[in-house]
């Protein structure tokens, strides 16, 4: 497991049914490409977030494949339509098999 990995998400607390909202996500992750050498001269193993998904009430909203050229601490911003009150579930997948998750609820009002 990569150390210091911290997902952060910003979702409005309320929206009107049918509104498009902006969702902002950031995950703290060093993102090593696997092409650099460490102080000992050995290649540092690749360690990147390679996939990001967001689901709303069990339905997929976005599914993104991330490649080694992605920057450290990847930021993803996107719009989603909110048909009803519910919960967004955010998932980041790491090369080493680790999965980082967080969720945010949104109310209709």
Protein backbone atom coordinates (compact mmCIF):
# COMPACT_ATOMS: atom_id res chain seq x y z
CA UNK A 1 0.00 0.00 0.00
CA UNK A 2 1.31 3.43 -0.93
CA UNK A 3 1.86 5.64 2.10
CA UNK A 4 0.07 8.94 2.64
CA UNK A 5 -2.72 8.27 0.15
CA UNK A 6 -5.71 10.47 0.95
CA UNK A 7 -8.78 10.85 -1.29
CA UNK A 8 -10.68 14.16 -1.14
CA UNK A 9 -14.00 14.91 -2.80
CA UNK A 10 -16.19 18.01 -3.07
CA UNK A 11 -19.88 17.40 -3.80
CA UNK A 12 -22.69 19.92 -3.14
CA UNK A 13 -24.83 18.98 -0.13
CA UNK A 14 -28.08 19.74 -2.03
CA UNK A 15 -29.31 20.03 -5.61
CA UNK A 16 -32.65 20.18 -7.41
CA UNK A 17 -33.77 16.97 -9.11
CA UNK A 18 -32.37 16.90 -12.64
CA UNK A 19 -29.64 19.49 -11.95
CA UNK A 20 -26.13 19.04 -13.29
CA UNK A 21 -23.60 19.48 -10.50
CA UNK A 22 -19.83 19.84 -10.57
CA UNK A 23 -17.85 17.23 -8.64
CA UNK A 24 -14.18 17.76 -7.79
CA UNK A 25 -11.86 14.96 -6.67
CA UNK A 26 -8.22 14.83 -5.68
CA UNK A 27 -6.19 11.96 -4.32
CA UNK A 28 -2.83 12.48 -2.64
CA UNK A 29 -0.53 9.93 -4.29
CA UNK A 30 3.14 10.17 -5.33
CA UNK A 31 2.56 8.46 -8.72
CA UNK A 32 5.86 6.78 -9.65
CA UNK A 33 6.18 6.03 -13.39
CA UNK A 34 8.59 3.09 -13.02
CA UNK A 35 11.19 4.78 -15.21
CA UNK A 36 13.29 6.58 -12.59
CA UNK A 37 16.17 5.19 -10.56
CA UNK A 38 16.49 5.55 -6.80
CA UNK A 39 19.61 6.60 -4.88
CA UNK A 40 20.76 2.98 -4.91
CA UNK A 41 20.70 2.90 -8.73
CA UNK A 42 17.78 0.47 -8.95
CA UNK A 43 14.58 1.27 -10.83
CA UNK A 44 11.80 2.55 -8.56
CA UNK A 45 8.77 0.28 -9.19
CA UNK A 46 5.79 1.78 -10.99
CA UNK A 47 3.06 2.90 -8.60
CA UNK A 48 0.22 4.91 -10.10
CA UNK A 49 -3.51 5.28 -9.69
CA UNK A 50 -4.53 3.52 -12.90
CA UNK A 51 -8.34 3.83 -12.72
CA UNK A 52 -10.95 6.11 -11.18
CA UNK A 53 -14.69 5.41 -11.00
CA UNK A 54 -17.73 7.20 -9.61
CA UNK A 55 -21.12 5.58 -9.08
CA UNK A 56 -24.39 7.19 -8.02
CA UNK A 57 -26.84 4.90 -6.23
CA UNK A 58 -25.12 1.91 -7.83
CA UNK A 59 -25.08 3.28 -11.39
CA UNK A 60 -21.81 4.22 -13.05
CA UNK A 61 -21.32 7.95 -13.68
CA UNK A 62 -17.69 7.99 -14.84
CA UNK A 63 -14.95 5.40 -15.38
CA UNK A 64 -11.50 6.77 -16.26
CA UNK A 65 -8.31 4.89 -17.11
CA UNK A 66 -5.22 6.81 -15.96
CA UNK A 67 -1.85 6.32 -17.64
CA UNK A 68 1.74 6.75 -16.31
CA UNK A 69 1.92 10.34 -17.65
CA UNK A 70 -0.71 11.47 -15.10
CA UNK A 71 0.62 13.94 -12.57
CA UNK A 72 1.24 13.44 -8.89
CA UNK A 73 -1.96 13.89 -6.83
CA UNK A 74 -4.39 13.39 -9.74
CA UNK A 75 -7.31 15.83 -9.86
CA UNK A 76 -10.52 14.91 -11.68
CA UNK A 77 -13.41 17.34 -12.15
CA UNK A 78 -16.63 16.37 -13.92
CA UNK A 79 -20.36 17.10 -14.07
CA UNK A 80 -23.11 14.69 -13.10
CA UNK A 81 -26.88 14.93 -13.29
CA UNK A 82 -28.66 14.24 -10.00
CA UNK A 83 -32.06 12.58 -10.60
CA UNK A 84 -32.78 11.90 -6.91
CA UNK A 85 -31.27 12.02 -3.44
CA UNK A 86 -28.55 9.48 -2.95
CA UNK A 87 -24.88 8.71 -2.54
CA UNK A 88 -21.89 9.10 -4.81
CA UNK A 89 -19.23 6.42 -4.34
CA UNK A 90 -15.71 7.24 -5.51
CA UNK A 91 -13.07 4.55 -6.09
CA UNK A 92 -9.40 4.83 -7.04
CA UNK A 93 -7.43 1.72 -8.10
CA UNK A 94 -3.66 1.51 -7.50
CA UNK A 95 -1.15 -0.57 -9.51
CA UNK A 96 -0.29 -2.60 -6.42
CA UNK A 97 -3.90 -3.78 -6.05
CA UNK A 98 -4.91 -1.31 -3.36
CA UNK A 99 -8.32 0.32 -3.65
CA UNK A 100 -9.17 3.67 -2.06
CA UNK A 101 -12.82 4.59 -1.54
CA UNK A 102 -14.89 7.41 -0.20
CA UNK A 103 -18.57 8.39 -0.49
CA UNK A 104 -20.62 11.58 -0.33
CA UNK A 105 -24.38 11.97 0.04
CA UNK A 106 -26.48 14.55 -1.75
CA UNK A 107 -30.00 15.68 -0.86
CA UNK A 108 -32.72 17.03 -3.16
CA UNK A 109 -34.04 20.38 -2.08
